[in-house]
Amino acid sequence: IDFVNPSDLTVRAANAWTILKIATVQNNSGRKFLFPPAVLPLRGQVILTVGSGDRERPLANNYPFTTPVANRFYAFVDLLSTSGTLLNLDDKTVVLDALKKSSTACLPEIRGWSLDLVAGTGEQTVTSSLITGGRVFWNTHRALAPESGVCNANLGAARGYSADLFCGSNFSVPYS
């Protein structure tokens, strides 16, 4: 949503605000985005980071394990244009997978990168991300199925991630 004119940054009246869809994910992927993206203005562009997950279904017995959702974490560039090509965040020719990319280009030269959440079925982003010091941080949760005959409440596994904001490289899981 543009509250200001991108060309001269003057504030627009409420009746002149514009909305432009800048990105999409694969149809029928089942991904949900329940936390707002982190935003970093940078040289006339904006870098956004966001992860998918479903906080409405946090437990193993109610998460869709029969048809698992492949959750991901994304970083992409909004060019602040009033028109342009819709960025498909799951198109690996446009958004390079940070762990497998062969290109040495990084944001904002490329339009974005993505990371598959691979800790296991049901891993999902459960917080907004944080951008600081050229890195992006986010947290995930993966529900664990209850063990039969065990009298404890294992609520799952939490993980914290960190990656280079611009290239998606130097990916790490600082705690889990």
N, C-alpha and C. Protein backbone atom coordinates (compact mmCIF):
# COMPACT_ATOMS: atom_id res chain seq x y z
N ILE A 1 0.86 -1.17 0.00
CA ILE A 1 0.00 0.00 0.00
C ILE A 1 0.90 1.22 0.00
N ASP A 2 0.71 2.08 -0.98
CA ASP A 2 1.52 3.29 -1.06
C ASP A 2 0.76 4.45 -0.42
N PHE A 3 1.28 4.90 0.73
CA PHE A 3 0.72 6.06 1.41
C PHE A 3 1.38 7.34 0.93
N VAL A 4 2.50 7.17 0.23
CA VAL A 4 3.24 8.31 -0.32
C VAL A 4 3.47 8.06 -1.81
N ASN A 5 3.76 9.10 -2.53
CA ASN A 5 4.10 8.99 -3.94
C ASN A 5 5.54 8.49 -4.02
N PRO A 6 5.79 7.31 -4.61
CA PRO A 6 7.15 6.76 -4.63
C PRO A 6 8.17 7.63 -5.37
N SER A 7 7.73 8.43 -6.31
CA SER A 7 8.69 9.23 -7.08
C SER A 7 9.23 10.43 -6.31
N ASP A 8 8.38 11.09 -5.50
CA ASP A 8 8.87 12.27 -4.76
C ASP A 8 8.64 12.19 -3.25
N LEU A 9 8.08 11.08 -2.77
CA LEU A 9 7.85 10.80 -1.35
C LEU A 9 6.91 11.79 -0.66
N THR A 10 6.04 12.45 -1.43
CA THR A 10 5.04 13.31 -0.81
C THR A 10 3.88 12.45 -0.31
N VAL A 11 3.31 12.84 0.83
CA VAL A 11 2.22 12.08 1.42
C VAL A 11 0.97 12.24 0.56
N ARG A 12 0.31 11.12 0.32
CA ARG A 12 -0.93 11.14 -0.47
C ARG A 12 -2.13 11.27 0.46
N ALA A 13 -3.18 11.90 -0.04
CA ALA A 13 -4.45 11.94 0.70
C ALA A 13 -5.01 10.52 0.78
N ALA A 14 -5.80 10.23 1.79
CA ALA A 14 -6.34 8.88 2.01
C ALA A 14 -7.07 8.34 0.78
N ASN A 15 -7.75 9.20 0.05
CA ASN A 15 -8.48 8.73 -1.14
C ASN A 15 -7.57 8.49 -2.34
N ALA A 16 -6.27 8.79 -2.21
CA ALA A 16 -5.32 8.59 -3.30
C ALA A 16 -4.32 7.46 -3.03
N TRP A 17 -4.49 6.73 -1.91
CA TRP A 17 -3.61 5.60 -1.62
C TRP A 17 -3.78 4.56 -2.71
N THR A 18 -2.70 3.88 -3.05
CA THR A 18 -2.76 2.84 -4.07
C THR A 18 -2.28 1.51 -3.50
N ILE A 19 -2.82 0.44 -4.03
CA ILE A 19 -2.42 -0.90 -3.61
C ILE A 19 -1.93 -1.65 -4.85
N LEU A 20 -0.78 -2.26 -4.74
CA LEU A 20 -0.22 -3.02 -5.85
C LEU A 20 0.27 -4.36 -5.31
N LYS A 21 -0.21 -5.43 -5.88
CA LYS A 21 0.25 -6.77 -5.52
C LYS A 21 1.62 -6.96 -6.13
N ILE A 22 2.65 -7.23 -5.29
CA ILE A 22 4.01 -7.32 -5.80
C ILE A 22 4.53 -8.76 -5.84
N ALA A 23 3.91 -9.67 -5.07
CA ALA A 23 4.44 -11.03 -5.02
C ALA A 23 3.33 -12.02 -4.75
N THR A 24 3.59 -13.26 -5.13
CA THR A 24 2.65 -14.35 -4.92
C THR A 24 3.44 -15.63 -4.65
N VAL A 25 2.76 -16.67 -4.17
CA VAL A 25 3.37 -17.99 -4.01
C VAL A 25 2.63 -18.97 -4.91
N GLN A 26 3.18 -20.14 -5.03
CA GLN A 26 2.61 -21.18 -5.88
C GLN A 26 1.15 -21.44 -5.53
N ASN A 27 0.32 -21.56 -6.56
CA ASN A 27 -1.10 -21.87 -6.33
C ASN A 27 -1.24 -23.18 -5.57
N ASN A 28 -2.19 -23.23 -4.66
CA ASN A 28 -2.50 -24.43 -3.88
C ASN A 28 -1.33 -24.95 -3.07
N SER A 29 -0.40 -24.07 -2.67
CA SER A 29 0.73 -24.51 -1.86
C SER A 29 0.33 -24.73 -0.41
N GLY A 30 -0.80 -24.12 0.01
CA GLY A 30 -1.25 -24.25 1.39
C GLY A 30 -0.51 -23.35 2.36
N ARG A 31 0.42 -22.54 1.85
CA ARG A 31 1.19 -21.66 2.74
C ARG A 31 0.34 -20.50 3.22
N LYS A 32 0.53 -20.16 4.50
CA LYS A 32 -0.13 -19.00 5.09
C LYS A 32 0.94 -18.07 5.64
N PHE A 33 0.66 -16.79 5.61
CA PHE A 33 1.56 -15.79 6.16
C PHE A 33 0.80 -15.05 7.25
N LEU A 34 1.10 -15.39 8.50
CA LEU A 34 0.31 -14.86 9.61
C LEU A 34 1.05 -13.80 10.41
N PHE A 35 2.27 -13.51 10.04
CA PHE A 35 3.04 -12.47 10.73
C PHE A 35 3.49 -11.46 9.69
N PRO A 36 3.54 -10.19 10.05
CA PRO A 36 3.93 -9.17 9.06
C PRO A 36 5.40 -9.32 8.67
N PRO A 37 5.75 -8.86 7.49
CA PRO A 37 7.16 -8.93 7.07
C PRO A 37 8.00 -7.88 7.79
N ALA A 38 9.29 -8.15 7.86
CA ALA A 38 10.25 -7.12 8.27
C ALA A 38 10.58 -6.33 7.02
N VAL A 39 10.79 -5.02 7.20
CA VAL A 39 10.97 -4.13 6.05
C VAL A 39 12.25 -3.33 6.24
N LEU A 40 13.07 -3.27 5.17
CA LEU A 40 14.29 -2.48 5.18
C LEU A 40 14.34 -1.60 3.94
N PRO A 41 14.11 -0.26 4.08
CA PRO A 41 14.27 0.64 2.94
C PRO A 41 15.74 0.70 2.55
N LEU A 42 16.02 0.63 1.23
CA LEU A 42 17.40 0.60 0.78
C LEU A 42 17.50 1.19 -0.62
N ARG A 43 18.08 2.38 -0.74
CA ARG A 43 18.37 3.02 -2.03
C ARG A 43 17.18 3.00 -3.00
N GLY A 44 16.04 3.51 -2.60
CA GLY A 44 14.90 3.60 -3.50
C GLY A 44 14.16 2.29 -3.71
N GLN A 45 14.50 1.28 -2.93
CA GLN A 45 13.82 -0.01 -2.97
C GLN A 45 13.54 -0.42 -1.54
N VAL A 46 12.77 -1.49 -1.37
CA VAL A 46 12.49 -2.00 -0.03
C VAL A 46 12.72 -3.51 -0.04
N ILE A 47 13.49 -3.99 0.92
CA ILE A 47 13.68 -5.43 1.08
C ILE A 47 12.69 -5.90 2.14
N LEU A 48 11.96 -6.96 1.82
CA LEU A 48 11.00 -7.55 2.75
C LEU A 48 11.41 -8.98 3.06
N THR A 49 11.22 -9.41 4.31
CA THR A 49 11.47 -10.79 4.70
C THR A 49 10.25 -11.31 5.44
N VAL A 50 9.85 -12.55 5.11
CA VAL A 50 8.66 -13.13 5.71
C VAL A 50 8.73 -14.65 5.61
N GLY A 51 8.17 -15.33 6.60
CA GLY A 51 8.13 -16.79 6.59
C GLY A 51 6.70 -17.29 6.67
N SER A 52 6.48 -18.48 6.13
CA SER A 52 5.12 -19.04 6.15
C SER A 52 4.95 -20.00 7.33
N GLY A 53 3.73 -20.12 7.78
CA GLY A 53 3.38 -20.99 8.89
C GLY A 53 1.91 -20.84 9.21
N ASP A 54 1.43 -21.67 10.13
CA ASP A 54 0.01 -21.67 10.46
C ASP A 54 -0.17 -21.72 11.97
N ARG A 55 -0.21 -20.56 12.61
CA ARG A 55 -0.33 -20.54 14.07
C ARG A 55 -1.69 -20.99 14.54
N GLU A 56 -2.65 -21.11 13.62
CA GLU A 56 -3.97 -21.62 14.00
C GLU A 56 -3.93 -23.13 14.23
N ARG A 57 -2.90 -23.80 13.74
CA ARG A 57 -2.77 -25.25 13.88
C ARG A 57 -1.36 -25.58 14.38
N PRO A 58 -1.07 -25.29 15.64
CA PRO A 58 0.29 -25.46 16.13
C PRO A 58 0.64 -26.88 16.59
N LEU A 59 -0.33 -27.75 16.80
CA LEU A 59 -0.05 -29.06 17.36
C LEU A 59 -0.06 -30.15 16.29
N ALA A 60 0.66 -31.23 16.57
CA ALA A 60 0.77 -32.33 15.60
C ALA A 60 -0.58 -32.94 15.26
N ASN A 61 -1.49 -33.00 16.24
CA ASN A 61 -2.78 -33.64 15.97
C ASN A 61 -3.73 -32.76 15.17
N ASN A 62 -3.40 -31.48 14.97
CA ASN A 62 -4.28 -30.66 14.14
C ASN A 62 -3.56 -29.98 12.97
N TYR A 63 -2.25 -30.22 12.83
CA TYR A 63 -1.53 -29.70 11.67
C TYR A 63 -1.76 -30.66 10.50
N PRO A 64 -1.83 -30.16 9.28
CA PRO A 64 -2.13 -31.04 8.14
C PRO A 64 -0.98 -31.96 7.75
N PHE A 65 -0.72 -32.99 8.59
CA PHE A 65 0.36 -33.93 8.30
C PHE A 65 0.01 -34.88 7.16
N THR A 66 -1.28 -35.10 6.91
CA THR A 66 -1.65 -36.01 5.82
C THR A 66 -1.38 -35.37 4.47
N THR A 67 -1.50 -34.07 4.38
CA THR A 67 -1.11 -33.32 3.18
C THR A 67 -0.17 -32.21 3.64
N PRO A 68 1.10 -32.55 3.87
CA PRO A 68 2.02 -31.58 4.47
C PRO A 68 2.20 -30.32 3.63
N VAL A 69 2.38 -29.22 4.33
CA VAL A 69 2.64 -27.93 3.71
C VAL A 69 4.15 -27.69 3.77
N ALA A 70 4.75 -27.37 2.63
CA ALA A 70 6.19 -27.06 2.58
C ALA A 70 6.37 -25.59 2.88
N ASN A 71 6.59 -25.27 4.15
CA ASN A 71 6.77 -23.87 4.54
C ASN A 71 8.15 -23.38 4.14
N ARG A 72 8.24 -22.07 3.90
CA ARG A 72 9.48 -21.46 3.44
C ARG A 72 9.68 -20.11 4.11
N PHE A 73 10.91 -19.64 4.02
CA PHE A 73 11.24 -18.28 4.43
C PHE A 73 11.73 -17.54 3.19
N TYR A 74 11.27 -16.30 3.03
CA TYR A 74 11.56 -15.53 1.82
C TYR A 74 12.19 -14.18 2.15
N ALA A 75 13.06 -13.72 1.27
CA ALA A 75 13.54 -12.34 1.26
C ALA A 75 13.40 -11.87 -0.18
N PHE A 76 12.77 -10.72 -0.37
CA PHE A 76 12.58 -10.23 -1.74
C PHE A 76 12.55 -8.71 -1.77
N VAL A 77 12.70 -8.18 -2.98
CA VAL A 77 12.82 -6.74 -3.18
C VAL A 77 11.54 -6.18 -3.79
N ASP A 78 11.02 -5.13 -3.17
CA ASP A 78 9.92 -4.34 -3.74
C ASP A 78 10.59 -3.16 -4.44
N LEU A 79 10.40 -3.09 -5.75
CA LEU A 79 11.05 -2.04 -6.55
C LEU A 79 10.34 -0.70 -6.46
N LEU A 80 9.24 -0.62 -5.71
CA LEU A 80 8.46 0.59 -5.51
C LEU A 80 7.93 1.17 -6.81
N SER A 81 7.71 0.31 -7.79
CA SER A 81 7.14 0.79 -9.04
C SER A 81 5.62 0.71 -8.96
N THR A 82 4.97 1.48 -9.77
CA THR A 82 3.51 1.49 -9.78
C THR A 82 2.95 0.42 -10.69
N SER A 83 3.81 -0.26 -11.41
CA SER A 83 3.41 -1.39 -12.24
C SER A 83 4.62 -2.31 -12.37
N GLY A 84 4.43 -3.42 -13.01
CA GLY A 84 5.56 -4.31 -13.21
C GLY A 84 5.15 -5.76 -13.12
N THR A 85 6.13 -6.60 -13.25
CA THR A 85 5.90 -8.04 -13.23
C THR A 85 5.67 -8.52 -11.80
N LEU A 86 4.62 -9.30 -11.62
CA LEU A 86 4.32 -9.91 -10.33
C LEU A 86 5.40 -10.94 -10.03
N LEU A 87 6.01 -10.86 -8.87
CA LEU A 87 7.08 -11.76 -8.48
C LEU A 87 6.49 -13.02 -7.88
N ASN A 88 6.72 -14.17 -8.52
CA ASN A 88 6.31 -15.46 -7.97
C ASN A 88 7.44 -15.94 -7.07
N LEU A 89 7.21 -15.93 -5.76
CA LEU A 89 8.26 -16.27 -4.81
C LEU A 89 8.70 -17.72 -4.88
N ASP A 90 7.92 -18.57 -5.54
CA ASP A 90 8.29 -19.98 -5.66
C ASP A 90 8.92 -20.30 -7.01
N ASP A 91 9.10 -19.31 -7.87
CA ASP A 91 9.73 -19.53 -9.17
C ASP A 91 11.24 -19.46 -8.98
N LYS A 92 11.90 -20.60 -9.03
CA LYS A 92 13.33 -20.66 -8.74
C LYS A 92 14.18 -19.99 -9.81
N THR A 93 13.60 -19.63 -10.96
CA THR A 93 14.37 -18.88 -11.95
C THR A 93 14.42 -17.40 -11.60
N VAL A 94 13.49 -16.96 -10.76
CA VAL A 94 13.45 -15.56 -10.33
C VAL A 94 13.98 -15.41 -8.91
N VAL A 95 13.53 -16.30 -8.04
CA VAL A 95 13.98 -16.30 -6.65
C VAL A 95 14.90 -17.50 -6.49
N LEU A 96 16.16 -17.25 -6.20
CA LEU A 96 17.13 -18.32 -6.10
C LEU A 96 17.10 -18.96 -4.72
N ASP A 97 17.10 -20.28 -4.67
CA ASP A 97 17.17 -20.98 -3.40
C ASP A 97 18.53 -20.70 -2.79
N ALA A 98 18.54 -20.13 -1.61
CA ALA A 98 19.78 -19.66 -1.01
C ALA A 98 20.77 -20.79 -0.73
N LEU A 99 20.29 -21.99 -0.50
CA LEU A 99 21.20 -23.08 -0.18
C LEU A 99 21.75 -23.77 -1.43
N LYS A 100 21.11 -23.57 -2.58
CA LYS A 100 21.52 -24.29 -3.78
C LYS A 100 21.89 -23.36 -4.93
N LYS A 101 21.84 -22.05 -4.73
CA LYS A 101 22.05 -21.14 -5.85
C LYS A 101 23.49 -21.21 -6.35
N SER A 102 23.64 -21.07 -7.64
CA SER A 102 24.97 -21.08 -8.23
C SER A 102 25.42 -19.66 -8.57
N SER A 103 24.49 -18.73 -8.59
CA SER A 103 24.81 -17.34 -8.91
C SER A 103 25.51 -16.68 -7.73
N THR A 104 26.37 -15.73 -8.02
CA THR A 104 27.01 -14.97 -6.95
C THR A 104 26.28 -13.66 -6.70
N ALA A 105 25.21 -13.41 -7.45
CA ALA A 105 24.44 -12.18 -7.28
C ALA A 105 23.64 -12.24 -5.99
N CYS A 106 23.43 -11.08 -5.38
CA CYS A 106 22.68 -10.98 -4.13
C CYS A 106 21.67 -9.86 -4.23
N LEU A 107 20.81 -9.72 -3.22
CA LEU A 107 19.87 -8.62 -3.17
C LEU A 107 20.65 -7.30 -3.17
N PRO A 108 20.20 -6.26 -3.78
CA PRO A 108 18.99 -6.12 -4.57
C PRO A 108 19.18 -6.43 -6.05
N GLU A 109 20.37 -6.96 -6.45
CA GLU A 109 20.57 -7.30 -7.87
C GLU A 109 19.62 -8.41 -8.31
N ILE A 110 19.41 -9.39 -7.45
CA ILE A 110 18.40 -10.41 -7.73
C ILE A 110 17.12 -10.00 -7.03
N ARG A 111 16.00 -10.53 -7.45
CA ARG A 111 14.72 -10.11 -6.86
C ARG A 111 14.48 -10.74 -5.49
N GLY A 112 15.18 -11.84 -5.15
CA GLY A 112 14.94 -12.44 -3.85
C GLY A 112 15.58 -13.80 -3.70
N TRP A 113 15.40 -14.38 -2.53
CA TRP A 113 15.85 -15.74 -2.26
C TRP A 113 14.85 -16.41 -1.32
N SER A 114 14.93 -17.75 -1.24
CA SER A 114 14.05 -18.48 -0.34
C SER A 114 14.79 -19.64 0.29
N LEU A 115 14.32 -20.04 1.46
CA LEU A 115 14.85 -21.21 2.15
C LEU A 115 13.68 -22.12 2.51
N ASP A 116 13.80 -23.39 2.19
CA ASP A 116 12.80 -24.36 2.64
C ASP A 116 13.05 -24.64 4.12
N LEU A 117 11.98 -24.72 4.91
CA LEU A 117 12.10 -25.11 6.30
C LEU A 117 12.16 -26.63 6.32
N VAL A 118 13.28 -27.17 6.75
CA VAL A 118 13.54 -28.60 6.56
C VAL A 118 13.77 -29.37 7.86
N ALA A 119 13.36 -28.83 8.99
CA ALA A 119 13.56 -29.55 10.25
C ALA A 119 12.63 -30.74 10.37
N GLY A 120 11.65 -30.84 9.50
CA GLY A 120 10.73 -31.97 9.52
C GLY A 120 9.33 -31.52 9.17
N THR A 121 8.47 -32.49 8.93
CA THR A 121 7.09 -32.19 8.57
C THR A 121 6.45 -31.32 9.63
N GLY A 122 5.83 -30.25 9.19
CA GLY A 122 5.12 -29.37 10.10
C GLY A 122 5.92 -28.20 10.62
N GLU A 123 7.20 -28.05 10.24
CA GLU A 123 7.95 -26.89 10.71
C GLU A 123 7.35 -25.64 10.08
N GLN A 124 7.15 -24.61 10.91
CA GLN A 124 6.51 -23.40 10.43
C GLN A 124 7.06 -22.18 11.15
N THR A 125 7.10 -21.05 10.44
CA THR A 125 7.55 -19.80 11.03
C THR A 125 6.50 -19.32 12.03
N VAL A 126 6.96 -18.94 13.22
CA VAL A 126 6.02 -18.55 14.28
C VAL A 126 6.26 -17.15 14.82
N THR A 127 7.09 -16.36 14.13
CA THR A 127 7.32 -14.98 14.53
C THR A 127 7.55 -14.13 13.29
N SER A 128 7.48 -12.83 13.48
CA SER A 128 7.97 -11.93 12.43
C SER A 128 9.48 -12.07 12.41
N SER A 129 10.09 -11.69 11.31
CA SER A 129 11.55 -11.73 11.24
C SER A 129 12.13 -10.41 11.75
N LEU A 130 13.42 -10.41 11.99
CA LEU A 130 14.13 -9.23 12.46
C LEU A 130 15.35 -9.04 11.57
N ILE A 131 15.51 -7.83 11.05
CA ILE A 131 16.66 -7.50 10.21
C ILE A 131 17.58 -6.59 11.02
N THR A 132 18.85 -7.00 11.14
CA THR A 132 19.83 -6.17 11.82
C THR A 132 21.23 -6.62 11.42
N GLY A 133 22.13 -5.66 11.25
CA GLY A 133 23.52 -5.96 10.97
C GLY A 133 23.74 -6.79 9.71
N GLY A 134 22.89 -6.62 8.70
CA GLY A 134 23.05 -7.36 7.46
C GLY A 134 22.58 -8.80 7.53
N ARG A 135 21.91 -9.17 8.61
CA ARG A 135 21.40 -10.53 8.78
C ARG A 135 19.91 -10.47 9.05
N VAL A 136 19.24 -11.59 8.82
CA VAL A 136 17.82 -11.71 9.14
C VAL A 136 17.67 -12.90 10.09
N PHE A 137 16.84 -12.71 11.11
CA PHE A 137 16.61 -13.73 12.14
C PHE A 137 15.12 -14.06 12.18
N TRP A 138 14.79 -15.35 12.39
CA TRP A 138 13.40 -15.74 12.56
C TRP A 138 13.33 -17.04 13.34
N ASN A 139 12.15 -17.35 13.86
CA ASN A 139 11.95 -18.54 14.69
C ASN A 139 10.90 -19.45 14.06
N THR A 140 11.08 -20.75 14.31
CA THR A 140 10.12 -21.73 13.82
C THR A 140 9.71 -22.67 14.95
N HIS A 141 8.66 -23.41 14.69
CA HIS A 141 8.18 -24.44 15.60
C HIS A 141 7.78 -25.65 14.78
N ARG A 142 8.06 -26.82 15.31
CA ARG A 142 7.61 -28.06 14.67
C ARG A 142 6.96 -28.91 15.75
N ALA A 143 5.68 -29.16 15.56
CA ALA A 143 4.95 -29.98 16.52
C ALA A 143 5.44 -31.42 16.43
N LEU A 144 5.47 -32.09 17.55
CA LEU A 144 5.86 -33.49 17.59
C LEU A 144 4.64 -34.33 17.95
N ALA A 145 4.53 -35.47 17.32
CA ALA A 145 3.42 -36.37 17.62
C ALA A 145 3.59 -36.92 19.03
N PRO A 146 2.51 -36.99 19.79
CA PRO A 146 2.62 -37.53 21.15
C PRO A 146 3.01 -39.01 21.12
N GLU A 147 3.85 -39.39 22.08
CA GLU A 147 4.27 -40.78 22.18
C GLU A 147 3.22 -41.58 22.93
N SER A 148 2.93 -42.74 22.42
CA SER A 148 1.94 -43.61 23.04
C SER A 148 2.44 -44.13 24.38
N GLY A 149 1.62 -44.02 25.40
CA GLY A 149 1.95 -44.54 26.72
C GLY A 149 2.91 -43.69 27.52
N VAL A 150 3.27 -42.52 27.01
CA VAL A 150 4.19 -41.63 27.72
C VAL A 150 3.37 -40.51 28.33
N CYS A 151 3.65 -40.24 29.59
CA CYS A 151 2.86 -39.24 30.32
C CYS A 151 3.63 -37.92 30.41
N ASN A 152 3.81 -37.28 29.27
CA ASN A 152 4.40 -35.94 29.27
C ASN A 152 3.77 -35.13 28.15
N ALA A 153 3.92 -33.84 28.25
CA ALA A 153 3.32 -32.94 27.25
C ALA A 153 4.43 -32.37 26.38
N ASN A 154 4.92 -33.16 25.44
CA ASN A 154 5.94 -32.67 24.53
C ASN A 154 5.26 -31.78 23.49
N LEU A 155 5.47 -30.49 23.59
CA LEU A 155 4.78 -29.55 22.72
C LEU A 155 5.51 -29.27 21.42
N GLY A 156 6.67 -29.88 21.21
CA GLY A 156 7.35 -29.71 19.94
C GLY A 156 8.75 -29.18 20.08
N ALA A 157 9.31 -28.79 18.94
CA ALA A 157 10.69 -28.31 18.88
C ALA A 157 10.71 -26.90 18.31
N ALA A 158 11.41 -26.01 18.98
CA ALA A 158 11.56 -24.63 18.52
C ALA A 158 12.96 -24.46 17.96
N ARG A 159 13.08 -23.65 16.90
CA ARG A 159 14.39 -23.38 16.30
C ARG A 159 14.50 -21.89 16.01
N GLY A 160 15.71 -21.38 16.08
CA GLY A 160 16.01 -20.02 15.69
C GLY A 160 16.95 -20.04 14.50
N TYR A 161 16.65 -19.24 13.49
CA TYR A 161 17.45 -19.21 12.27
C TYR A 161 18.10 -17.84 12.09
N SER A 162 19.20 -17.84 11.35
CA SER A 162 19.89 -16.62 10.98
C SER A 162 20.47 -16.84 9.58
N ALA A 163 20.39 -15.81 8.73
CA ALA A 163 20.95 -15.90 7.39
C ALA A 163 21.42 -14.53 6.95
N ASP A 164 22.38 -14.50 6.05
CA ASP A 164 22.81 -13.25 5.43
C ASP A 164 21.60 -12.67 4.70
N LEU A 165 21.23 -11.44 5.01
CA LEU A 165 20.04 -10.83 4.43
C LEU A 165 20.12 -10.73 2.92
N PHE A 166 21.25 -10.38 2.40
CA PHE A 166 21.34 -10.07 0.98
C PHE A 166 21.52 -11.29 0.09
N CYS A 167 22.21 -12.31 0.58
CA CYS A 167 22.50 -13.49 -0.25
C CYS A 167 21.83 -14.76 0.24
N GLY A 168 21.31 -14.77 1.47
CA GLY A 168 20.72 -15.98 2.01
C GLY A 168 21.78 -16.99 2.38
N SER A 169 23.05 -16.58 2.34
CA SER A 169 24.15 -17.49 2.64
C SER A 169 24.48 -17.41 4.13
N ASN A 170 25.52 -18.13 4.51
CA ASN A 170 25.92 -18.19 5.93
C ASN A 170 24.72 -18.53 6.80
N PHE A 171 23.91 -19.41 6.29
CA PHE A 171 22.69 -19.85 6.95
C PHE A 171 23.07 -20.64 8.20
N SER A 172 22.41 -20.35 9.31
CA SER A 172 22.72 -21.10 10.53
C SER A 172 21.47 -21.22 11.40
N VAL A 173 21.51 -22.22 12.25
CA VAL A 173 20.49 -22.43 13.26
C VAL A 173 21.20 -22.22 14.60
N PRO A 174 21.17 -20.97 15.13
CA PRO A 174 21.94 -20.70 16.33
C PRO A 174 21.44 -21.44 17.57
N TYR A 175 20.19 -21.80 17.60
CA TYR A 175 19.69 -22.58 18.75
C TYR A 175 18.51 -23.40 18.30
N SER A 176 18.29 -24.49 19.00
CA SER A 176 17.13 -25.31 18.72
C SER A 176 16.74 -26.08 19.96
